[in-house]
N, C-alpha and C. Protein backbone atom coordinates (compact mmCIF):
# COMPACT_ATOMS: atom_id res chain seq x y z
N MET A 1 0.91 -1.19 0.02
CA MET A 1 0.07 0.01 0.02
C MET A 1 1.00 1.32 -0.23
N THR A 2 0.38 2.11 -0.60
CA THR A 2 1.53 3.38 -0.98
C THR A 2 1.04 4.46 0.07
N LEU A 3 1.80 4.95 0.70
CA LEU A 3 1.56 6.11 1.66
C LEU A 3 1.63 7.33 1.31
N PRO A 4 0.77 8.23 1.57
CA PRO A 4 0.93 9.87 1.26
C PRO A 4 2.35 10.28 1.40
N PRO A 5 2.83 11.20 0.79
CA PRO A 5 3.94 11.70 1.00
C PRO A 5 4.23 12.31 2.51
N PRO A 6 5.45 12.54 2.81
CA PRO A 6 6.02 12.92 4.11
C PRO A 6 5.21 14.34 4.48
N SER A 7 4.83 15.20 3.84
CA SER A 7 4.00 16.26 4.29
C SER A 7 2.67 16.19 3.48
N CYS A 8 1.55 16.19 4.19
CA CYS A 8 0.69 16.14 3.46
C CYS A 8 -0.71 16.28 4.23
N SER A 9 -1.93 15.93 3.74
CA SER A 9 -3.16 16.03 4.34
C SER A 9 -3.99 14.89 4.28
N LEU A 10 -4.72 14.72 5.24
CA LEU A 10 -5.47 13.41 5.42
C LEU A 10 -7.05 13.31 5.45
N GLY A 11 -7.89 12.66 4.72
CA GLY A 11 -9.27 12.74 5.07
C GLY A 11 -9.86 11.73 5.74
N PRO A 12 -11.02 11.55 5.77
CA PRO A 12 -11.82 10.64 6.65
C PRO A 12 -11.24 9.34 6.33
N LEU A 13 -11.18 8.52 5.00
CA LEU A 13 -10.91 7.42 4.64
C LEU A 13 -9.20 7.07 5.20
N ASP A 14 -8.57 8.13 4.71
CA ASP A 14 -7.05 7.71 5.26
C ASP A 14 -6.85 7.67 6.77
N ILE A 15 -7.71 8.54 7.70
CA ILE A 15 -7.67 8.43 9.09
C ILE A 15 -8.23 6.94 9.39
N ALA A 16 -9.19 6.55 8.57
CA ALA A 16 -9.45 5.17 9.07
C ALA A 16 -8.65 4.02 9.03
N ARG A 17 -7.75 4.18 8.04
CA ARG A 17 -6.66 3.30 7.86
C ARG A 17 -5.56 3.41 8.92
N LEU A 18 -5.44 4.43 9.41
CA LEU A 18 -4.44 4.94 10.46
C LEU A 18 -4.84 4.54 12.00
N LEU A 19 -6.08 4.74 12.24
CA LEU A 19 -6.57 4.35 13.67
C LEU A 19 -7.53 3.24 13.89
N PRO A 20 -7.75 2.85 14.95
CA PRO A 20 -8.70 1.71 15.29
C PRO A 20 -10.15 2.51 15.54
N HIS A 21 -9.87 3.66 16.08
CA HIS A 21 -11.21 4.36 16.59
C HIS A 21 -12.29 4.28 15.37
N ARG A 22 -13.71 4.54 15.89
CA ARG A 22 -14.55 4.57 14.76
C ARG A 22 -15.97 5.50 15.38
N HIS A 23 -16.87 5.91 14.99
CA HIS A 23 -17.77 6.56 15.69
C HIS A 23 -18.50 5.70 16.57
N PRO A 24 -19.10 6.43 17.56
CA PRO A 24 -18.80 7.38 17.92
C PRO A 24 -17.60 8.05 18.80
N PHE A 25 -16.58 7.17 18.42
CA PHE A 25 -15.47 7.48 19.43
C PHE A 25 -14.14 8.01 18.56
N LEU A 26 -14.55 8.43 17.39
CA LEU A 26 -13.50 9.24 16.55
C LEU A 26 -13.76 10.67 16.53
N TRP A 27 -12.61 11.25 16.97
CA TRP A 27 -12.66 12.89 17.27
C TRP A 27 -11.88 13.72 16.52
N VAL A 28 -11.47 12.79 15.32
CA VAL A 28 -10.75 13.56 14.39
C VAL A 28 -11.05 13.60 13.01
N ASP A 29 -11.77 14.53 12.38
CA ASP A 29 -12.41 14.59 11.28
C ASP A 29 -11.43 14.61 9.87
N THR A 30 -10.41 15.51 10.03
CA THR A 30 -9.59 15.64 9.11
C THR A 30 -8.05 16.00 9.62
N VAL A 31 -6.99 15.84 8.81
CA VAL A 31 -5.73 16.12 9.18
C VAL A 31 -5.28 17.31 7.95
N ASP A 32 -5.23 18.26 8.26
CA ASP A 32 -4.65 19.57 7.32
C ASP A 32 -3.41 19.54 7.03
N ILE A 33 -2.55 19.17 8.11
CA ILE A 33 -1.02 19.43 8.21
C ILE A 33 -0.45 18.18 8.78
N LEU A 34 0.31 17.14 7.86
CA LEU A 34 1.12 16.18 8.42
C LEU A 34 2.52 16.31 8.06
N GLU A 35 3.25 16.55 8.94
CA GLU A 35 4.82 16.47 8.84
C GLU A 35 5.41 15.22 9.59
N VAL A 36 5.80 14.29 8.74
CA VAL A 36 6.02 12.90 9.25
C VAL A 36 7.39 13.37 10.50
N GLY A 37 7.08 12.70 11.39
CA GLY A 37 8.06 12.90 12.73
C GLY A 37 7.92 14.07 13.56
N ARG A 38 7.36 14.91 12.87
CA ARG A 38 7.40 16.18 13.63
C ARG A 38 6.04 16.78 14.04
N ARG A 39 4.99 16.87 13.28
CA ARG A 39 3.88 17.49 13.76
C ARG A 39 2.84 17.32 12.82
N ALA A 40 1.47 17.39 13.42
CA ALA A 40 0.20 17.17 12.97
C ALA A 40 -0.76 18.20 13.17
N ARG A 41 -1.66 18.61 12.56
CA ARG A 41 -2.88 19.50 12.69
C ARG A 41 -4.05 19.07 12.17
N GLY A 42 -4.92 18.39 12.91
CA GLY A 42 -6.13 17.81 12.77
C GLY A 42 -7.41 19.00 13.11
N THR A 43 -8.68 18.45 12.65
CA THR A 43 -9.74 19.27 13.09
C THR A 43 -10.99 18.30 13.21
N LYS A 44 -11.73 19.22 14.23
CA LYS A 44 -12.90 18.31 14.69
C LYS A 44 -14.00 19.07 14.55
N ALA A 45 -14.89 19.02 13.87
CA ALA A 45 -16.39 20.00 13.92
C ALA A 45 -17.00 19.69 14.71
N VAL A 46 -17.12 20.45 15.95
CA VAL A 46 -18.19 20.15 16.79
C VAL A 46 -19.42 20.57 16.56
N THR A 47 -20.50 19.41 16.60
CA THR A 47 -22.01 19.68 16.22
C THR A 47 -22.83 19.35 17.34
N MET A 48 -23.85 20.02 17.27
CA MET A 48 -24.79 19.58 18.18
C MET A 48 -25.50 18.02 17.99
N SER A 49 -25.17 17.28 17.05
CA SER A 49 -25.45 15.95 16.90
C SER A 49 -24.49 15.09 17.44
N GLU A 50 -23.60 15.60 18.14
CA GLU A 50 -22.65 14.50 19.01
C GLU A 50 -23.36 14.00 20.09
N PRO A 51 -23.32 12.52 20.55
CA PRO A 51 -24.17 12.04 21.20
C PRO A 51 -23.88 12.48 22.55
N VAL A 52 -22.79 12.95 23.02
CA VAL A 52 -22.34 13.49 24.17
C VAL A 52 -22.82 14.57 24.82
N PHE A 53 -23.87 15.54 23.71
CA PHE A 53 -24.47 16.77 24.12
C PHE A 53 -26.10 16.23 24.65
N GLN A 54 -26.22 14.95 24.77
CA GLN A 54 -27.51 14.72 25.23
C GLN A 54 -27.66 14.60 26.58
N GLY A 55 -26.24 14.56 27.05
CA GLY A 55 -25.95 14.57 28.64
C GLY A 55 -25.11 15.77 29.19
N HIS A 56 -24.42 16.37 28.32
CA HIS A 56 -23.50 17.36 28.61
C HIS A 56 -23.25 18.71 27.97
N PHE A 57 -24.08 19.47 28.46
CA PHE A 57 -25.01 19.59 29.28
C PHE A 57 -26.38 20.06 28.57
N PRO A 58 -27.54 19.56 28.34
CA PRO A 58 -28.46 19.60 27.33
C PRO A 58 -28.60 21.34 27.32
N ALA A 59 -28.90 21.87 28.44
CA ALA A 59 -29.25 23.40 28.52
C ALA A 59 -28.20 24.06 28.17
N GLU A 60 -26.91 23.91 28.24
CA GLU A 60 -25.87 24.47 27.89
C GLU A 60 -24.89 23.62 27.48
N PRO A 61 -24.59 23.01 26.14
CA PRO A 61 -23.91 22.20 25.84
C PRO A 61 -22.21 22.50 25.60
N ILE A 62 -21.61 21.71 26.47
CA ILE A 62 -20.23 22.14 26.50
C ILE A 62 -19.37 20.75 26.02
N PHE A 63 -18.51 20.73 24.94
CA PHE A 63 -17.58 19.70 24.56
C PHE A 63 -16.84 19.08 25.71
N PRO A 64 -17.05 17.99 26.16
CA PRO A 64 -16.09 17.49 27.57
C PRO A 64 -14.55 17.82 27.37
N GLY A 65 -13.66 18.13 28.32
CA GLY A 65 -12.26 18.45 28.04
C GLY A 65 -11.53 17.23 27.88
N VAL A 66 -12.15 15.93 28.38
CA VAL A 66 -11.49 14.84 28.32
C VAL A 66 -11.71 14.35 26.68
N LEU A 67 -12.72 14.66 26.10
CA LEU A 67 -12.96 14.11 24.89
C LEU A 67 -12.01 15.04 23.71
N ILE A 68 -11.71 16.37 24.49
CA ILE A 68 -10.88 17.25 23.65
C ILE A 68 -9.25 16.83 23.97
N THR A 69 -9.07 16.12 24.87
CA THR A 69 -7.79 15.58 25.21
C THR A 69 -7.45 14.18 24.07
N GLU A 70 -8.50 13.52 24.36
CA GLU A 70 -8.48 12.43 23.56
C GLU A 70 -8.30 12.70 22.00
N ALA A 71 -9.07 13.64 21.74
CA ALA A 71 -8.78 14.08 19.92
C ALA A 71 -7.35 14.52 19.75
N LEU A 72 -6.64 15.26 20.73
CA LEU A 72 -5.36 15.50 20.76
C LEU A 72 -4.52 14.31 20.46
N ALA A 73 -4.81 13.39 21.57
CA ALA A 73 -4.28 11.99 21.26
C ALA A 73 -4.31 11.09 20.26
N GLN A 74 -5.49 11.40 19.70
CA GLN A 74 -5.79 10.29 18.56
C GLN A 74 -4.91 11.33 17.33
N THR A 75 -4.94 12.50 17.38
CA THR A 75 -4.14 13.16 16.16
C THR A 75 -2.65 12.74 16.39
N GLY A 76 -1.97 12.60 17.51
CA GLY A 76 -0.80 12.23 18.03
C GLY A 76 -0.69 10.60 17.35
N ALA A 77 -1.60 10.05 17.54
CA ALA A 77 -1.66 8.40 16.92
C ALA A 77 -1.46 8.52 15.49
N ILE A 78 -2.49 9.35 14.99
CA ILE A 78 -2.44 9.82 13.38
C ILE A 78 -1.01 9.79 12.86
N LEU A 79 -0.23 10.85 13.74
CA LEU A 79 0.82 11.23 13.32
C LEU A 79 1.88 9.71 13.39
N LEU A 80 1.72 9.01 14.39
CA LEU A 80 2.87 7.91 14.86
C LEU A 80 2.42 6.95 13.59
N GLY A 81 0.90 6.71 13.36
CA GLY A 81 0.66 5.67 12.48
C GLY A 81 1.12 6.02 11.10
N HIS A 82 1.13 6.97 10.69
CA HIS A 82 1.35 7.39 9.55
C HIS A 82 3.07 7.25 9.24
N ALA A 83 3.53 7.50 10.33
CA ALA A 83 5.27 7.39 10.24
C ALA A 83 5.49 5.81 10.20
N ARG A 84 4.70 4.96 10.86
CA ARG A 84 4.97 3.53 10.89
C ARG A 84 4.50 2.73 9.43
N GLY A 85 3.65 3.47 8.80
CA GLY A 85 2.89 2.71 7.67
C GLY A 85 1.35 2.37 7.95
N ALA A 86 0.95 2.72 6.83
CA ALA A 86 -0.64 2.34 6.98
C ALA A 86 -0.74 0.59 7.06
N ALA A 87 -1.87 0.22 7.59
CA ALA A 87 -1.91 -1.24 8.09
C ALA A 87 -2.33 -1.90 6.79
N GLU A 88 -1.85 -3.10 6.92
CA GLU A 88 -2.60 -3.84 5.65
C GLU A 88 -4.02 -4.36 5.77
N PRO A 89 -4.59 -4.61 4.71
CA PRO A 89 -6.00 -5.10 5.03
C PRO A 89 -6.24 -6.18 6.26
N GLY A 90 -7.12 -6.15 7.03
CA GLY A 90 -7.40 -7.00 7.82
C GLY A 90 -6.48 -6.96 9.30
N ALA A 91 -5.26 -6.22 9.09
CA ALA A 91 -4.36 -5.75 10.55
C ALA A 91 -4.74 -4.74 10.95
N ALA A 92 -4.16 -4.81 12.15
CA ALA A 92 -4.49 -3.71 13.48
C ALA A 92 -4.14 -2.46 12.60
N PRO A 93 -4.73 -1.39 12.70
CA PRO A 93 -4.29 -0.09 12.41
C PRO A 93 -2.85 0.19 12.78
N ALA A 94 -1.99 1.05 11.87
CA ALA A 94 -0.71 1.14 12.23
C ALA A 94 -0.57 2.23 13.66
N GLY A 95 -1.82 2.94 13.72
CA GLY A 95 -1.56 4.41 14.51
C GLY A 95 -2.06 3.69 15.97
N ILE A 96 -2.29 2.62 16.36
CA ILE A 96 -3.09 2.41 17.60
C ILE A 96 -1.75 2.61 18.69
N GLY A 97 -1.97 3.30 19.76
CA GLY A 97 -1.50 3.74 20.96
C GLY A 97 -2.15 3.99 21.93
N TYR A 98 -1.60 3.82 23.26
CA TYR A 98 -2.21 4.26 24.43
C TYR A 98 -1.75 5.36 25.53
N VAL A 99 -2.59 6.07 25.61
CA VAL A 99 -2.20 7.31 26.36
C VAL A 99 -1.84 6.80 27.96
N VAL A 100 -0.54 7.05 28.07
CA VAL A 100 0.06 6.70 29.16
C VAL A 100 0.41 7.95 30.28
N ARG A 101 0.24 9.18 29.98
CA ARG A 101 0.52 10.45 30.76
C ARG A 101 -0.24 11.66 30.18
N THR A 102 -1.05 12.56 30.93
CA THR A 102 -1.33 13.83 30.30
C THR A 102 -1.00 15.07 31.48
N ASP A 103 -0.52 16.04 30.91
CA ASP A 103 -0.71 17.09 31.64
C ASP A 103 -1.40 18.47 30.85
N ILE A 104 -2.52 18.58 31.39
CA ILE A 104 -3.38 19.22 30.19
C ILE A 104 -4.07 20.39 31.27
N LYS A 105 -4.32 21.58 30.22
CA LYS A 105 -4.86 22.65 31.19
C LYS A 105 -5.82 23.06 30.20
N PHE A 106 -7.05 23.23 31.17
CA PHE A 106 -8.44 23.57 30.16
C PHE A 106 -8.45 25.00 30.41
N ILE A 107 -8.50 25.87 29.40
CA ILE A 107 -8.43 27.23 29.44
C ILE A 107 -10.06 27.66 29.31
N ARG A 108 -10.78 27.55 27.92
CA ARG A 108 -12.12 27.90 27.86
C ARG A 108 -12.87 26.73 27.38
N PRO A 109 -14.11 26.96 27.43
CA PRO A 109 -15.01 26.06 26.63
C PRO A 109 -15.27 25.77 25.30
N VAL A 110 -15.36 24.55 24.91
CA VAL A 110 -15.63 24.33 23.42
C VAL A 110 -17.04 23.92 23.13
N THR A 111 -17.77 24.63 22.23
CA THR A 111 -19.30 24.39 22.32
C THR A 111 -19.65 23.94 21.02
N PRO A 112 -21.21 23.69 20.51
CA PRO A 112 -21.46 23.12 19.19
C PRO A 112 -21.04 24.47 18.16
N GLY A 113 -20.73 24.19 17.09
CA GLY A 113 -20.65 25.28 15.94
C GLY A 113 -19.32 25.50 15.93
N HIS A 114 -18.55 25.23 16.94
CA HIS A 114 -17.10 25.54 16.95
C HIS A 114 -15.92 24.45 15.82
N LEU A 115 -15.01 24.91 15.16
CA LEU A 115 -14.23 23.84 14.43
C LEU A 115 -13.04 23.95 15.40
N LEU A 116 -12.69 22.87 15.82
CA LEU A 116 -11.68 22.59 17.05
C LEU A 116 -10.33 22.33 15.90
N ARG A 117 -9.15 23.27 16.30
CA ARG A 117 -8.08 22.89 15.64
C ARG A 117 -7.53 22.03 16.74
N LEU A 118 -6.56 20.84 16.40
CA LEU A 118 -5.89 20.09 17.05
C LEU A 118 -4.29 20.11 16.39
N ASP A 119 -3.32 20.75 17.33
CA ASP A 119 -2.18 20.71 17.09
C ASP A 119 -1.31 19.89 18.01
N VAL A 120 -0.59 18.79 17.61
CA VAL A 120 0.40 18.08 18.18
C VAL A 120 1.89 18.20 17.77
N LYS A 121 2.52 18.40 18.59
CA LYS A 121 4.23 18.42 17.72
C LYS A 121 4.80 17.10 18.82
N LEU A 122 5.52 16.36 18.05
CA LEU A 122 6.24 15.25 18.56
C LEU A 122 7.69 16.10 19.31
N ILE A 123 7.81 15.97 20.50
CA ILE A 123 8.89 16.60 21.09
C ILE A 123 10.05 15.58 21.77
N GLY A 124 9.62 14.10 21.82
CA GLY A 124 10.49 13.37 22.36
C GLY A 124 10.33 11.89 22.16
N GLN A 125 10.87 10.77 22.14
CA GLN A 125 10.81 9.64 22.07
C GLN A 125 11.82 8.83 22.78
N THR A 126 11.30 7.90 23.44
CA THR A 126 12.16 6.75 24.26
C THR A 126 11.45 5.55 23.98
N GLY A 127 12.39 4.54 22.93
CA GLY A 127 11.53 3.35 22.65
C GLY A 127 10.41 3.57 22.17
N ASN A 128 9.50 2.90 22.74
CA ASN A 128 7.92 3.09 21.92
C ASN A 128 7.11 3.86 22.84
N MET A 129 7.99 4.78 23.55
CA MET A 129 7.04 5.98 24.03
C MET A 129 7.17 7.29 23.53
N PHE A 130 6.36 7.89 23.37
CA PHE A 130 6.39 9.17 22.36
C PHE A 130 5.66 10.44 23.11
N ALA A 131 6.21 11.47 23.45
CA ALA A 131 5.77 12.82 23.98
C ALA A 131 5.66 13.89 23.08
N PHE A 132 4.28 14.58 23.25
CA PHE A 132 3.83 15.56 22.47
C PHE A 132 3.40 16.74 23.13
N ASN A 133 3.90 18.05 22.49
CA ASN A 133 3.41 19.01 22.99
C ASN A 133 2.02 19.47 22.16
N CYS A 134 1.03 19.88 22.89
CA CYS A 134 -0.45 19.58 22.33
C CYS A 134 -1.15 21.16 22.37
N VAL A 135 -2.24 21.51 21.66
CA VAL A 135 -3.04 22.70 21.96
C VAL A 135 -4.19 22.23 20.84
N ALA A 136 -5.31 22.49 21.34
CA ALA A 136 -6.67 22.44 20.92
C ALA A 136 -7.06 23.92 20.90
N GLY A 137 -7.57 24.69 19.88
CA GLY A 137 -8.21 25.86 20.01
C GLY A 137 -9.13 26.12 18.95
N VAL A 138 -9.95 27.32 19.11
CA VAL A 138 -10.85 27.68 18.40
C VAL A 138 -10.40 28.82 17.91
N ASP A 139 -10.62 29.44 16.40
CA ASP A 139 -10.27 30.74 15.91
C ASP A 139 -8.89 31.14 16.11
N GLY A 140 -8.10 30.38 16.55
CA GLY A 140 -6.58 30.67 17.06
C GLY A 140 -6.40 30.88 18.13
N VAL A 141 -7.47 30.76 19.15
CA VAL A 141 -7.55 31.13 20.60
C VAL A 141 -7.22 29.67 21.44
N PRO A 142 -6.30 29.19 22.24
CA PRO A 142 -6.34 28.06 22.90
C PRO A 142 -7.60 27.66 23.46
N ALA A 143 -7.93 26.22 23.83
CA ALA A 143 -9.24 26.03 24.58
C ALA A 143 -8.22 24.88 25.46
N VAL A 144 -7.37 24.34 25.10
CA VAL A 144 -6.79 23.20 25.86
C VAL A 144 -5.51 23.21 25.46
N GLU A 145 -4.43 22.98 26.39
CA GLU A 145 -3.18 22.89 26.08
C GLU A 145 -2.21 22.04 27.05
N GLY A 146 -1.23 21.64 26.59
CA GLY A 146 -0.39 20.67 27.70
C GLY A 146 0.55 19.67 26.82
N ARG A 147 0.78 18.51 27.53
CA ARG A 147 1.36 17.62 27.14
C ARG A 147 0.67 16.10 27.24
N ILE A 148 1.11 15.28 26.14
CA ILE A 148 0.64 13.87 26.13
C ILE A 148 1.56 12.88 25.95
N ALA A 149 1.56 11.85 26.67
CA ALA A 149 2.76 10.80 26.19
C ALA A 149 1.66 9.66 25.96
N ILE A 150 2.25 8.99 24.70
CA ILE A 150 1.58 7.67 23.92
C ILE A 150 2.85 6.87 23.90
N THR A 151 2.11 5.46 24.17
CA THR A 151 2.99 4.41 24.02
C THR A 151 2.36 3.50 22.73
N THR A 152 3.24 2.95 22.23
CA THR A 152 2.90 2.01 20.94
C THR A 152 3.16 0.64 21.34
N PRO A 153 2.27 -0.44 20.88
CA PRO A 153 2.80 -1.86 21.02
C PRO A 153 4.17 -2.04 20.33
N ALA A 154 4.95 -2.84 21.25
CA ALA A 154 6.19 -3.13 20.81
C ALA A 154 6.22 -3.99 19.25
N GLN A 155 6.88 -3.67 18.30
CA GLN A 155 7.16 -4.10 17.04
C GLN A 155 7.97 -5.56 17.03
N GLU A 156 7.64 -6.41 16.34
CA GLU A 156 8.30 -7.71 16.33
C GLU A 156 9.78 -7.14 15.61
N GLY A 157 10.64 -7.97 16.46
CA GLY A 157 11.85 -7.69 15.85
C GLY A 157 12.59 -6.29 16.53
N ALA A 158 11.85 -5.52 17.21
CA ALA A 158 12.38 -4.50 17.72
C ALA A 158 13.05 -4.47 18.72
N PRO A 159 14.14 -3.86 19.49
CA PRO A 159 14.63 -3.89 20.31
C PRO A 159 14.31 -3.69 21.63
């Protein structure tokens, strides 16, 4: 399978090849910027039709900070998955990863109608552990920022 070039954008079908997540727990709609081994910028259109708004909170809907954190982690996993190569048909997606640490600051609420920008920058790697600086914002104003660490399953034959 041929991968997109080292600097590119990804649509929903590309993302589905890189992540195991599916509706209703896929929180990245597109990736506008992907620089392999460096950074990625994804987007999430927050709409009133999100199932979470049935209970959080119906009279004043706010997109949960933990889901924004998950969206940032998914964007990081897309970056890692793209670097590792798209999965072969029937195989586990290349971008599977597990969040092992977060240090996140919640700055302002995100509500339906917002286009959430998800920026992740790879800042370090030790073995199969990856650290990212992250910012999620609306109209250039941060809503969430911090760091996330993701670990990926060990590859066969890897040290």
